[in-house]
Amino acid sequence: MTSSELWTRATAERYDAEETEMSSADVLGPTLDFLARLAGDGRALEFAIGTGRVGVPLRERGVPVVGVELSEHMAAVLRRKTDAETLPVVLGDMATTVVPGEFTLVYLVYNTISNLLTQDEQVECFRNAARHLAPGGRFVIELGVPPLRYLPAGRTAVPFDVSEHHVGFDTFDLVEQVLVSHHLTRDGDDGRYRRDRSRHRYAWPAELDLMARIAGLDLERRVADWDGTPFGQDSAKHVSVWRKPV
């Protein structure tokens, strides 16, 4: 078992409804295009596949996809969308779970590597990706850039969403390199709000590059989004591609 927090049945059941924007054609289209190009004619392995937001439509594009998922409740929601023969899912953590065969693409989307709360586990995730990749295969991660420059001296919180139905902010432990995402979500029409929180270990792009080198992978490309916008000092996130040498 890794340090990742488990998704409960209640969280899994409402996940898709709360992530409709991330499942929109505007978001998914460029993501699927990017991943399908890298997969080519080979197989793709998604770490922390969740409810299949990316894996299911990528499989529908014709890319053979296998998933690894820690939460049986998230995997159960995915299973309502497609059968096990079409998209196999192995229950386990992304740092140590081994799936038979080789893949041309291993990928982690939507900040998911930050669910591993220690540096050692994140390093093992890179090693696990490398052991699954065929020579010349790619490992892709989508991850936010820590917004620490928005922290005034002595403050530990940064808001990331303030809307009618949701208030979200992150608090940072700068010593342990851990952030906690806090969510206040409007529940129904009676004015009540539901409070949720989740812990994450943030990492800088340069730190991930070092993890990749430890795993024997080379940085091939880094962009600011799935559309390929150049990555720069003001980028809020990055999509990074590391390649296993031939």
Protein backbone atom coordinates (compact mmCIF):
# COMPACT_ATOMS: atom_id res chain seq x y z
CA MET A 1 0.00 0.00 0.00
CA THR A 2 1.28 3.45 -0.86
CA SER A 3 0.62 6.67 1.00
CA SER A 4 -2.05 7.70 -1.52
CA GLU A 5 -5.42 8.50 0.01
CA LEU A 6 -8.18 6.12 -1.10
CA TRP A 7 -11.23 7.40 -2.96
CA THR A 8 -14.40 6.40 -1.15
CA ARG A 9 -17.54 5.02 -2.75
CA ALA A 10 -19.36 8.35 -2.28
CA THR A 11 -16.52 10.32 -3.88
CA ALA A 12 -16.29 7.90 -6.80
CA GLU A 13 -20.03 8.05 -7.45
CA ARG A 14 -20.05 11.84 -7.79
CA TYR A 15 -16.65 12.23 -9.47
CA ASP A 16 -17.84 12.35 -13.08
CA ALA A 17 -20.65 14.80 -12.29
CA GLU A 18 -18.20 17.17 -10.59
CA GLU A 19 -15.63 16.94 -13.40
CA THR A 20 -17.86 17.68 -16.38
CA GLU A 21 -15.58 20.50 -17.56
CA MET A 22 -12.56 18.16 -17.58
CA SER A 23 -14.62 15.70 -19.64
CA SER A 24 -15.65 18.28 -22.23
CA ALA A 25 -14.58 18.00 -25.86
CA ASP A 26 -12.46 21.15 -25.51
CA VAL A 27 -10.37 19.52 -22.78
CA LEU A 28 -10.42 15.89 -23.85
CA GLY A 29 -9.88 16.45 -27.57
CA PRO A 30 -6.30 17.79 -27.35
CA THR A 31 -5.48 15.30 -24.57
CA LEU A 32 -6.55 12.32 -26.65
CA ASP A 33 -4.82 13.64 -29.78
CA PHE A 34 -1.56 14.07 -27.86
CA LEU A 35 -1.65 10.61 -26.25
CA ALA A 36 -2.83 8.78 -29.37
CA ARG A 37 0.08 10.20 -31.39
CA LEU A 38 2.57 8.94 -28.83
CA ALA A 39 0.93 5.52 -28.51
CA GLY A 40 1.05 4.99 -32.25
CA ASP A 41 0.29 1.36 -33.06
CA GLY A 42 1.24 0.15 -29.58
CA ARG A 43 -0.50 -0.27 -26.25
CA ALA A 44 -1.02 2.42 -23.59
CA LEU A 45 -0.94 1.99 -19.80
CA GLU A 46 -2.72 4.57 -17.64
CA PHE A 47 -1.63 4.83 -14.02
CA ALA A 48 -4.52 5.83 -11.71
CA ILE A 49 -7.09 5.45 -14.47
CA GLY A 50 -9.94 6.41 -12.13
CA THR A 51 -13.38 6.34 -13.72
CA GLY A 52 -11.88 6.24 -17.22
CA ARG A 53 -12.26 9.91 -18.14
CA VAL A 54 -9.27 9.60 -20.50
CA GLY A 55 -8.76 5.85 -20.83
CA VAL A 56 -12.23 5.01 -22.13
CA PRO A 57 -12.32 7.53 -25.02
CA LEU A 58 -8.67 6.77 -25.84
CA ARG A 59 -9.65 3.11 -26.22
CA GLU A 60 -12.54 4.22 -28.44
CA ARG A 61 -9.93 5.94 -30.61
CA GLY A 62 -8.47 2.51 -31.28
CA VAL A 63 -5.58 2.59 -28.79
CA PRO A 64 -5.44 -0.57 -26.65
CA VAL A 65 -5.50 0.70 -23.04
CA VAL A 66 -4.80 -1.05 -19.74
CA GLY A 67 -5.40 0.71 -16.45
CA VAL A 68 -4.00 0.58 -12.92
CA GLU A 69 -6.26 1.95 -10.18
CA LEU A 70 -5.90 1.97 -6.39
CA SER A 71 -9.58 2.59 -5.57
CA GLU A 72 -11.95 -0.29 -6.24
CA HIS A 73 -14.82 2.21 -6.13
CA MET A 74 -13.37 4.33 -8.94
CA ALA A 75 -12.71 1.17 -10.96
CA ALA A 76 -16.30 0.05 -10.40
CA VAL A 77 -17.59 3.27 -11.97
CA LEU A 78 -15.29 2.73 -14.97
CA ARG A 79 -16.54 -0.82 -15.35
CA ARG A 80 -20.07 0.50 -16.01
CA LYS A 81 -18.70 2.22 -19.12
CA THR A 82 -16.80 -0.66 -20.70
CA ASP A 83 -16.10 -4.32 -20.05
CA ALA A 84 -12.90 -5.91 -18.77
CA GLU A 85 -12.01 -7.44 -22.14
CA THR A 86 -12.16 -4.06 -23.86
CA LEU A 87 -10.28 -2.17 -21.15
CA PRO A 88 -8.60 -4.30 -18.47
CA VAL A 89 -7.98 -2.66 -15.08
CA VAL A 90 -5.61 -3.99 -12.42
CA LEU A 91 -6.30 -2.94 -8.83
CA GLY A 92 -3.12 -1.66 -7.21
CA ASP A 93 -0.87 1.34 -6.72
CA MET A 94 0.98 3.08 -9.53
CA ALA A 95 4.39 2.79 -7.84
CA THR A 96 4.64 -0.99 -7.62
CA THR A 97 1.85 -2.73 -9.57
CA VAL A 98 3.16 -4.68 -12.55
CA VAL A 99 1.03 -5.37 -15.64
CA PRO A 100 2.06 -8.09 -18.14
CA GLY A 101 3.52 -7.03 -21.47
CA GLU A 102 5.20 -3.93 -22.90
CA PHE A 103 3.70 -0.56 -23.77
CA THR A 104 4.67 2.25 -26.10
CA LEU A 105 3.02 4.75 -23.75
CA VAL A 106 2.55 5.07 -20.00
CA TYR A 107 0.74 8.16 -18.79
CA LEU A 108 -0.50 10.01 -15.72
CA VAL A 109 -2.95 12.90 -16.14
CA TYR A 110 -4.54 15.63 -14.02
CA ASN A 111 -1.90 15.96 -11.26
CA THR A 112 -2.25 12.31 -10.27
CA ILE A 113 1.40 11.66 -9.46
CA SER A 114 0.96 14.12 -6.59
CA ASN A 115 -1.29 11.54 -4.91
CA LEU A 116 1.94 9.77 -3.95
CA LEU A 117 2.90 11.63 -0.80
CA THR A 118 6.62 10.82 -0.59
CA GLN A 119 9.51 11.45 -2.92
CA ASP A 120 10.57 7.81 -2.73
CA GLU A 121 7.16 6.68 -3.99
CA GLN A 122 7.23 9.18 -6.84
CA VAL A 123 10.67 7.89 -7.84
CA GLU A 124 9.28 4.33 -7.77
CA CYS A 125 6.42 5.47 -10.01
CA PHE A 126 8.96 6.57 -12.62
CA ARG A 127 10.78 3.26 -12.26
CA ASN A 128 7.51 1.39 -12.64
CA ALA A 129 6.73 3.32 -15.80
CA ALA A 130 10.18 2.54 -17.19
CA ARG A 131 9.85 -1.20 -16.53
CA HIS A 132 6.60 -1.27 -18.53
CA LEU A 133 7.91 0.71 -21.51
CA ALA A 134 9.23 -0.85 -24.67
CA PRO A 135 12.50 0.66 -25.93
CA GLY A 136 11.66 4.05 -27.42
CA GLY A 137 8.41 4.25 -25.43
CA ARG A 138 7.25 7.40 -23.65
CA PHE A 139 6.14 8.30 -20.13
CA VAL A 140 3.80 11.33 -19.95
CA ILE A 141 2.81 13.33 -16.89
CA GLU A 142 0.39 16.28 -16.59
CA LEU A 143 1.11 18.24 -13.41
CA GLY A 144 0.51 21.71 -12.05
CA VAL A 145 3.41 24.03 -11.25
CA PRO A 146 3.33 24.88 -7.51
CA PRO A 147 2.02 28.48 -7.25
CA LEU A 148 4.35 29.38 -4.38
CA ARG A 149 5.15 32.83 -5.70
CA TYR A 150 1.54 33.79 -4.92
CA LEU A 151 2.17 33.14 -1.22
CA PRO A 152 2.81 36.40 0.68
CA ALA A 153 5.37 36.16 3.46
CA GLY A 154 3.95 34.23 6.39
CA ARG A 155 0.90 32.96 4.47
CA THR A 156 0.20 29.33 3.56
CA ALA A 157 -3.00 29.41 1.45
CA VAL A 158 -3.68 30.11 -2.24
CA PRO A 159 -7.23 30.12 -3.70
CA PHE A 160 -7.71 28.39 -7.05
CA ASP A 161 -11.48 28.67 -7.54
CA VAL A 162 -14.12 31.03 -6.17
CA SER A 163 -17.46 30.52 -7.89
CA GLU A 164 -21.14 30.29 -7.05
CA HIS A 165 -21.10 26.58 -6.35
CA HIS A 166 -17.51 25.98 -5.30
CA VAL A 167 -14.70 27.52 -3.29
CA GLY A 168 -11.29 25.89 -3.49
CA PHE A 169 -7.94 26.75 -1.98
CA ASP A 170 -4.64 25.01 -1.32
CA THR A 171 -2.63 25.20 1.89
CA PHE A 172 1.10 24.49 1.75
CA ASP A 173 3.57 22.84 4.07
CA LEU A 174 6.78 24.17 2.58
CA VAL A 175 9.00 21.95 4.73
CA GLU A 176 7.34 18.64 3.85
CA GLN A 177 6.53 19.77 0.27
CA VAL A 178 2.88 18.80 0.76
CA LEU A 179 -0.22 20.73 -0.18
CA VAL A 180 -3.77 20.14 1.00
CA SER A 181 -6.58 20.98 -1.42
CA HIS A 182 -9.71 22.22 0.37
CA HIS A 183 -13.09 22.22 -1.36
CA LEU A 184 -16.38 23.78 -0.27
CA THR A 185 -19.00 22.56 -2.74
CA ARG A 186 -22.63 23.62 -2.76
CA ASP A 187 -24.80 20.56 -2.11
CA GLY A 188 -28.29 21.01 -3.52
CA ASP A 189 -30.43 24.14 -3.40
CA ASP A 190 -30.75 24.55 0.37
CA GLY A 191 -27.57 26.59 0.75
CA ARG A 192 -25.53 23.85 2.41
CA TYR A 193 -21.93 23.23 1.43
CA ARG A 194 -19.97 19.99 1.56
CA ARG A 195 -16.36 20.17 2.69
CA ASP A 196 -13.69 17.88 1.22
CA ARG A 197 -9.91 17.83 1.46
CA SER A 198 -7.10 15.85 -0.11
CA ARG A 199 -3.33 15.75 0.41
CA HIS A 200 -0.76 15.92 -2.38
CA ARG A 201 3.01 16.07 -2.70
CA TYR A 202 3.96 18.79 -5.14
CA ALA A 203 7.09 18.53 -7.26
CA TRP A 204 8.89 20.91 -9.58
CA PRO A 205 9.58 20.01 -13.23
CA ALA A 206 13.31 19.81 -12.53
CA GLU A 207 12.69 17.35 -9.69
CA LEU A 208 10.65 15.13 -12.02
CA ASP A 209 13.47 15.26 -14.57
CA LEU A 210 15.85 13.92 -11.93
CA MET A 211 13.39 11.14 -11.06
CA ALA A 212 13.27 10.29 -14.75
CA ARG A 213 17.07 10.10 -14.96
CA ILE A 214 17.10 7.76 -11.96
CA ALA A 215 14.64 5.54 -13.84
CA GLY A 216 16.72 5.66 -17.04
CA LEU A 217 14.40 7.97 -18.98
CA ASP A 218 15.34 11.09 -20.97
CA LEU A 219 13.31 14.29 -21.22
CA GLU A 220 12.01 14.59 -24.77
CA ARG A 221 9.50 17.43 -24.57
CA ARG A 222 7.80 19.77 -22.12
CA VAL A 223 4.84 21.99 -23.01
CA ALA A 224 2.35 24.06 -21.04
CA ASP A 225 -0.77 22.13 -22.11
CA TRP A 226 -2.08 19.38 -24.36
CA ASP A 227 -2.32 21.86 -27.27
CA GLY A 228 1.46 22.19 -27.22
CA THR A 229 1.72 25.77 -25.94
CA PRO A 230 5.38 26.50 -25.13
CA PHE A 231 6.23 26.07 -21.46
CA GLY A 232 7.42 29.23 -19.74
CA GLN A 233 7.88 30.89 -16.38
CA ASP A 234 4.20 31.87 -16.20
CA SER A 235 2.83 28.42 -17.08
CA ALA A 236 0.41 27.07 -14.48
CA LYS A 237 1.06 23.44 -15.43
CA HIS A 238 3.15 21.29 -17.72
CA VAL A 239 2.78 18.20 -19.84
CA SER A 240 6.14 16.43 -19.87
CA VAL A 241 7.31 13.53 -22.05
CA TRP A 242 10.24 11.29 -21.15
CA ARG A 243 11.53 8.60 -23.51
CA LYS A 244 13.10 5.23 -22.79
CA PRO A 245 16.28 4.89 -24.84
CA VAL A 246 16.30 2.40 -27.68
